[in-house]
Structures are given as C-alpha cells and as structure tokens.
Amino acid sequence: MSKSSDVMLIGATGLVGRLALPMLLERAEREAFVVHAPTRRPLSLQNPHLRQIHGDLGSEEGLALVDRVLAEDGVRLEAFVCALGSTLKQAGSEAAFAAIDRDLVLKLALIAHRHGARQAVVVSSVGADAASPSFYLRVKGEMEAGILALGFERADFLHPGLLLGSRGTERRSGERIAQQLAPLYNPLLLGPLRRFRAIRAESVAAAMTALVGRQGGGVMMLTNPSIEEIVRGR
C-alpha cells in the first residue's frame, strides 16, 4: 500500500471494528499512513496514526463534518473499511435497520470514494443477496450493490457466519445463545456448509486488515473458508 494513502474505518466501536482498529494502527505505524475513524463518541484508544472524527453520523450535519475534515486535512484515502452493522432488534424497526446497514454505509462510502478511496473492504453477511426473501439479507445485498455502483476499483466483501466474541455492554440475547451452541453445530457444517459456521470476530478483523491495500481490481466475495485462509497467510 502506498505510504501516502490513508484508510477510513467505519464501525470502530463495534465487535469487529474494535478488534480491527489496533491491527490497522499497527500497519499504519509500519507503513506511515493514518486511520481516519468517524464515530458518534470518542474512542479511548489514542495513537498518533489515528484521526478521530466525532459527530452524529446519522445526520446530514455529521456526514458533512466528516467530508469537511477530510477535505481540510487534504486526505487522500486508499481504502474504505467498514465493520458497521446492527440488528433489527437493536435498530428498532426495518426502516431504522436499513438506514444504518445500507443507507449510512453507502453515504460514508461515497464520501470515502470522493476522497480517493479505490478499494472498499466491507463486512457483510453470509447469504447477503439483494433478491433474498429475508429482509436482513436483502438489505445487506442492497448495500453491496450500492457499494459496487459507486465505482470502487476493488471491492472485498466478507461474508462471515455468526460472529463469536464479546460485545461488552451490548446485549444480544439471541446471538449469545447461538454462540454458546456454536461448538455443537459447527462440526456438523461440512463442505459447502462451512460458510455457515460461526467464526471468531478476531479472524474477521484480521482478514479485513490484511485485505486493505491489496492490488488488482474486481469484486471478491469471501466466506468463512476464504477468511480463514487469508488469516493463515497474512
């Protein structure tokens, strides 16, 4: 990756983003770039290669702030890295869920692309499909289609199964039960079904970090086996 090209990370306070941020900063220190992290609230992590941008990202004012800060700082981005994601229960309604997982992602991706990002690295979901009968998977698929429509030279979509890891104070009871059952059902998912296995959030974060700056163009759809292969080879 070019030493003069920075990264914008979205979702730095979530499960995957929180794990990916220190990994990205480790690379940033070695390769002399900056990680720009728009968030609603300040991050506790401090690093000379981290540029925090605080604002209400759900508002036009917050989005304009991100755009303005990048412009004022003369930022030239290499990659848009997105680990932003919610649930229907957490969002409160289908409309609110789509506003976050599709619309907000696309608005921030547009800003990143406008500031030079040639690559998008996005955590999506196994089964994401704009034609899916599942509302959740349909929104994820629509988000991916929107990313591609923006014209990134390269797009890497990670399609993990259930994410294993602690969300801290955030409560997702159904997810917690599924995590507890994962050791029982994971061994039963063989061959093509491996993509539906639960996977450690740390592995997804590591793969996402390793993908940043990859050369070449095109669209990469990466399910669990590919994610784990990237982690082994990084």
Protein backbone atom coordinates (compact mmCIF):
# COMPACT_ATOMS: atom_id res chain seq x y z
CA MET A 1 0.00 0.00 0.00
CA SER A 2 1.25 3.49 -0.81
CA LYS A 3 2.74 5.22 2.22
CA SER A 4 0.85 8.39 1.36
CA SER A 5 -2.58 6.73 1.29
CA ASP A 6 -4.81 6.65 4.35
CA VAL A 7 -7.71 4.47 5.44
CA MET A 8 -11.19 5.39 6.68
CA LEU A 9 -12.61 2.88 9.18
CA ILE A 10 -16.35 2.83 9.88
CA GLY A 11 -17.75 0.90 12.83
CA ALA A 12 -14.66 1.22 15.03
CA THR A 13 -16.71 0.77 18.23
CA GLY A 14 -18.41 -2.48 17.16
CA LEU A 15 -17.31 -6.07 17.68
CA VAL A 16 -15.19 -6.45 14.53
CA GLY A 17 -14.18 -2.80 14.20
CA ARG A 18 -12.94 -2.64 17.78
CA LEU A 19 -10.64 -5.59 17.06
CA ALA A 20 -9.56 -4.33 13.66
CA LEU A 21 -8.58 -0.83 14.78
CA PRO A 22 -5.39 -1.79 16.69
CA MET A 23 -4.44 -4.14 13.86
CA LEU A 24 -4.81 -1.33 11.33
CA LEU A 25 -2.86 1.03 13.56
CA GLU A 26 -0.03 -1.49 13.80
CA ARG A 27 0.15 -1.45 10.00
CA ALA A 28 -0.18 2.33 9.96
CA GLU A 29 2.86 2.68 12.20
CA ARG A 30 4.92 0.42 9.94
CA GLU A 31 3.71 1.89 6.65
CA ALA A 32 3.28 5.54 7.66
CA PHE A 33 -0.40 6.15 6.98
CA VAL A 34 -3.32 7.40 9.08
CA VAL A 35 -6.55 5.67 10.07
CA HIS A 36 -9.48 8.11 9.99
CA ALA A 37 -12.29 6.89 12.25
CA PRO A 38 -15.63 8.72 12.20
CA THR A 39 -17.57 7.77 15.36
CA ARG A 40 -20.51 9.04 17.37
CA ARG A 41 -18.48 9.06 20.58
CA PRO A 42 -14.74 9.43 21.34
CA LEU A 43 -12.58 6.31 21.30
CA SER A 44 -10.48 5.54 24.37
CA LEU A 45 -7.59 4.43 22.16
CA GLN A 46 -5.01 7.12 21.44
CA ASN A 47 -2.40 6.82 18.70
CA PRO A 48 -0.53 9.34 16.53
CA HIS A 49 -1.74 7.44 13.45
CA LEU A 50 -5.39 7.65 14.49
CA ARG A 51 -7.52 10.63 13.44
CA GLN A 52 -10.86 10.62 15.24
CA ILE A 53 -13.84 12.48 13.80
CA HIS A 54 -16.74 12.79 16.25
CA GLY A 55 -20.27 13.57 15.16
CA ASP A 56 -23.80 12.30 14.72
CA LEU A 57 -23.22 10.18 11.63
CA GLY A 58 -26.95 9.64 11.29
CA SER A 59 -27.44 13.32 10.46
CA GLU A 60 -26.54 15.33 7.38
CA GLU A 61 -24.52 17.65 9.62
CA GLY A 62 -22.44 14.75 10.91
CA LEU A 63 -21.77 13.46 7.41
CA ALA A 64 -20.85 16.96 6.24
CA LEU A 65 -18.39 17.17 9.14
CA VAL A 66 -16.62 14.01 8.02
CA ASP A 67 -16.42 15.32 4.46
CA ARG A 68 -15.16 18.70 5.61
CA VAL A 69 -12.47 17.35 7.96
CA LEU A 70 -11.09 15.08 5.25
CA ALA A 71 -11.04 17.98 2.80
CA GLU A 72 -9.43 20.42 5.24
CA ASP A 73 -6.75 17.88 6.13
CA GLY A 74 -6.03 17.20 2.46
CA VAL A 75 -6.61 13.48 2.98
CA ARG A 76 -6.04 11.07 0.11
CA LEU A 77 -7.63 7.76 1.01
CA GLU A 78 -6.59 4.33 -0.20
CA ALA A 79 -9.44 2.30 1.27
CA PHE A 80 -12.89 2.49 2.79
CA VAL A 81 -13.07 -0.13 5.55
CA CYS A 82 -16.49 -0.88 7.00
CA ALA A 83 -17.41 -3.01 10.01
CA LEU A 84 -20.65 -1.16 10.71
CA GLY A 85 -23.64 -3.35 11.45
CA SER A 86 -26.72 -3.56 13.64
CA THR A 87 -29.67 -5.91 14.09
CA LEU A 88 -33.39 -5.45 13.57
CA LYS A 89 -33.93 -5.60 17.32
CA GLN A 90 -31.14 -3.14 18.04
CA ALA A 91 -32.28 -0.71 15.33
CA GLY A 92 -35.91 -0.89 16.43
CA SER A 93 -37.58 -1.24 13.03
CA GLU A 94 -36.93 -2.38 9.49
CA ALA A 95 -36.65 1.22 8.32
CA ALA A 96 -34.13 2.09 11.03
CA PHE A 97 -32.11 -1.04 10.29
CA ALA A 98 -31.92 -0.22 6.57
CA ALA A 99 -30.99 3.37 7.40
CA ILE A 100 -27.89 2.13 9.24
CA ASP A 101 -26.77 -1.05 7.49
CA ARG A 102 -27.45 0.16 3.96
CA ASP A 103 -28.01 3.89 3.71
CA LEU A 104 -25.41 5.12 6.22
CA VAL A 105 -22.79 2.70 4.90
CA LEU A 106 -23.37 3.98 1.37
CA LYS A 107 -23.27 7.64 2.38
CA LEU A 108 -19.93 7.16 4.12
CA ALA A 109 -18.62 5.04 1.25
CA LEU A 110 -19.48 7.86 -1.15
CA ILE A 111 -17.50 10.32 0.98
CA ALA A 112 -14.53 7.94 1.07
CA HIS A 113 -14.67 7.41 -2.69
CA ARG A 114 -14.83 11.14 -3.23
CA HIS A 115 -11.61 11.47 -1.23
CA GLY A 116 -9.75 8.98 -3.38
CA ALA A 117 -10.53 5.53 -1.96
CA ARG A 118 -10.01 2.98 -4.71
CA GLN A 119 -10.88 -0.03 -2.52
CA ALA A 120 -13.81 -0.96 -0.29
CA VAL A 121 -13.38 -3.66 2.36
CA VAL A 122 -16.77 -4.37 3.90
CA VAL A 123 -18.04 -6.86 6.49
CA SER A 124 -21.40 -8.06 5.23
CA SER A 125 -23.10 -11.41 5.97
CA VAL A 126 -23.18 -14.93 4.65
CA GLY A 127 -26.19 -15.18 2.36
CA ALA A 128 -26.33 -11.48 1.51
CA ASP A 129 -28.42 -11.09 -1.63
CA ALA A 130 -30.44 -8.15 -2.92
CA ALA A 131 -33.08 -10.63 -4.10
CA SER A 132 -33.30 -12.56 -0.82
CA PRO A 133 -36.73 -13.09 0.80
CA SER A 134 -35.01 -12.36 4.13
CA PHE A 135 -35.20 -8.64 4.91
CA TYR A 136 -31.85 -8.71 6.73
CA LEU A 137 -30.01 -10.45 3.90
CA ARG A 138 -31.77 -8.33 1.27
CA VAL A 139 -30.59 -5.11 2.92
CA LYS A 140 -27.04 -6.46 3.09
CA GLY A 141 -27.24 -7.37 -0.59
CA GLU A 142 -28.59 -3.93 -1.48
CA MET A 143 -25.73 -2.37 0.45
CA GLU A 144 -23.22 -4.41 -1.54
CA ALA A 145 -24.87 -3.46 -4.84
CA GLY A 146 -24.74 0.19 -3.80
CA ILE A 147 -21.03 -0.06 -2.98
CA LEU A 148 -20.33 -1.51 -6.42
CA ALA A 149 -22.38 1.22 -8.08
CA LEU A 150 -20.07 3.85 -6.56
CA GLY A 151 -17.24 2.66 -8.80
CA PHE A 152 -14.55 1.39 -6.44
CA GLU A 153 -11.70 -0.22 -8.36
CA ARG A 154 -11.73 -3.17 -5.96
CA ALA A 155 -14.39 -4.37 -3.51
CA ASP A 156 -13.80 -7.07 -0.89
CA PHE A 157 -16.99 -8.26 0.82
CA LEU A 158 -16.52 -10.51 3.84
CA HIS A 159 -19.43 -12.91 4.35
CA PRO A 160 -18.89 -14.43 7.80
CA GLY A 161 -21.33 -16.63 9.68
CA LEU A 162 -22.28 -15.85 13.27
CA LEU A 163 -19.56 -13.76 14.90
CA LEU A 164 -18.03 -15.18 18.08
CA GLY A 165 -16.81 -12.61 20.59
CA SER A 166 -17.81 -10.34 23.41
CA ARG A 167 -19.73 -7.17 22.62
CA GLY A 168 -19.02 -5.72 26.05
CA THR A 169 -22.07 -3.97 27.48
CA GLU A 170 -24.14 -4.51 24.32
CA ARG A 171 -26.80 -7.18 24.85
CA ARG A 172 -27.89 -9.51 22.03
CA SER A 173 -29.54 -12.42 23.85
CA GLY A 174 -30.33 -14.49 20.76
CA GLU A 175 -26.80 -14.11 19.50
CA ARG A 176 -25.39 -15.09 22.90
CA ILE A 177 -27.38 -18.34 22.89
CA ALA A 178 -26.26 -19.11 19.33
CA GLN A 179 -22.63 -18.51 20.35
CA GLN A 180 -22.99 -20.99 23.19
CA LEU A 181 -24.38 -23.61 20.78
CA ALA A 182 -21.71 -22.99 18.11
CA PRO A 183 -19.28 -25.69 19.40
CA LEU A 184 -22.08 -28.21 18.93
CA TYR A 185 -23.25 -27.29 15.43
CA ASN A 186 -20.01 -26.06 13.83
CA PRO A 187 -18.56 -29.60 13.37
CA LEU A 188 -21.76 -30.65 11.60
CA LEU A 189 -21.39 -27.99 8.90
CA LEU A 190 -19.06 -29.61 6.39
CA GLY A 191 -18.08 -28.95 2.78
CA PRO A 192 -20.10 -26.11 1.23
CA LEU A 193 -21.89 -25.64 4.56
CA ARG A 194 -18.68 -24.44 6.22
CA ARG A 195 -19.58 -20.93 5.16
CA PHE A 196 -22.46 -21.00 7.67
CA ARG A 197 -20.26 -21.87 10.65
CA ALA A 198 -19.78 -19.42 13.50
CA ILE A 199 -16.42 -17.67 13.24
CA ARG A 200 -14.29 -15.68 15.66
CA ALA A 201 -14.69 -11.94 15.22
CA GLU A 202 -10.92 -11.64 15.64
CA SER A 203 -10.42 -13.73 12.49
CA VAL A 204 -12.76 -11.47 10.51
CA ALA A 205 -10.94 -8.38 11.80
CA ALA A 206 -7.55 -9.87 10.90
CA ALA A 207 -8.70 -10.79 7.39
CA MET A 208 -10.21 -7.35 6.88
CA THR A 209 -6.96 -5.72 7.96
CA ALA A 210 -4.88 -7.97 5.69
CA LEU A 211 -7.08 -7.14 2.68
CA VAL A 212 -6.56 -3.38 2.98
CA GLY A 213 -4.28 -2.17 0.23
CA ARG A 214 -4.48 -5.34 -1.88
CA GLN A 215 -3.80 -4.52 -5.50
CA GLY A 216 -5.82 -5.52 -8.52
CA GLY A 217 -9.43 -4.84 -9.31
CA GLY A 218 -12.71 -6.68 -9.25
CA VAL A 219 -15.15 -7.99 -6.69
CA MET A 220 -14.20 -10.54 -4.03
CA MET A 221 -16.88 -12.42 -2.05
CA LEU A 222 -15.18 -14.07 0.93
CA THR A 223 -16.96 -16.64 3.09
CA ASN A 224 -15.54 -18.36 6.19
CA PRO A 225 -13.06 -20.68 4.39
CA SER A 226 -11.56 -17.77 2.44
CA ILE A 227 -11.47 -15.55 5.53
CA GLU A 228 -9.60 -18.21 7.49
CA GLU A 229 -7.20 -18.78 4.59
CA ILE A 230 -6.35 -15.08 4.50
CA VAL A 231 -5.68 -15.10 8.25
CA ARG A 232 -3.33 -18.09 7.91
CA GLY A 233 -1.42 -16.46 5.08
CA ARG A 234 -1.27 -12.86 6.25
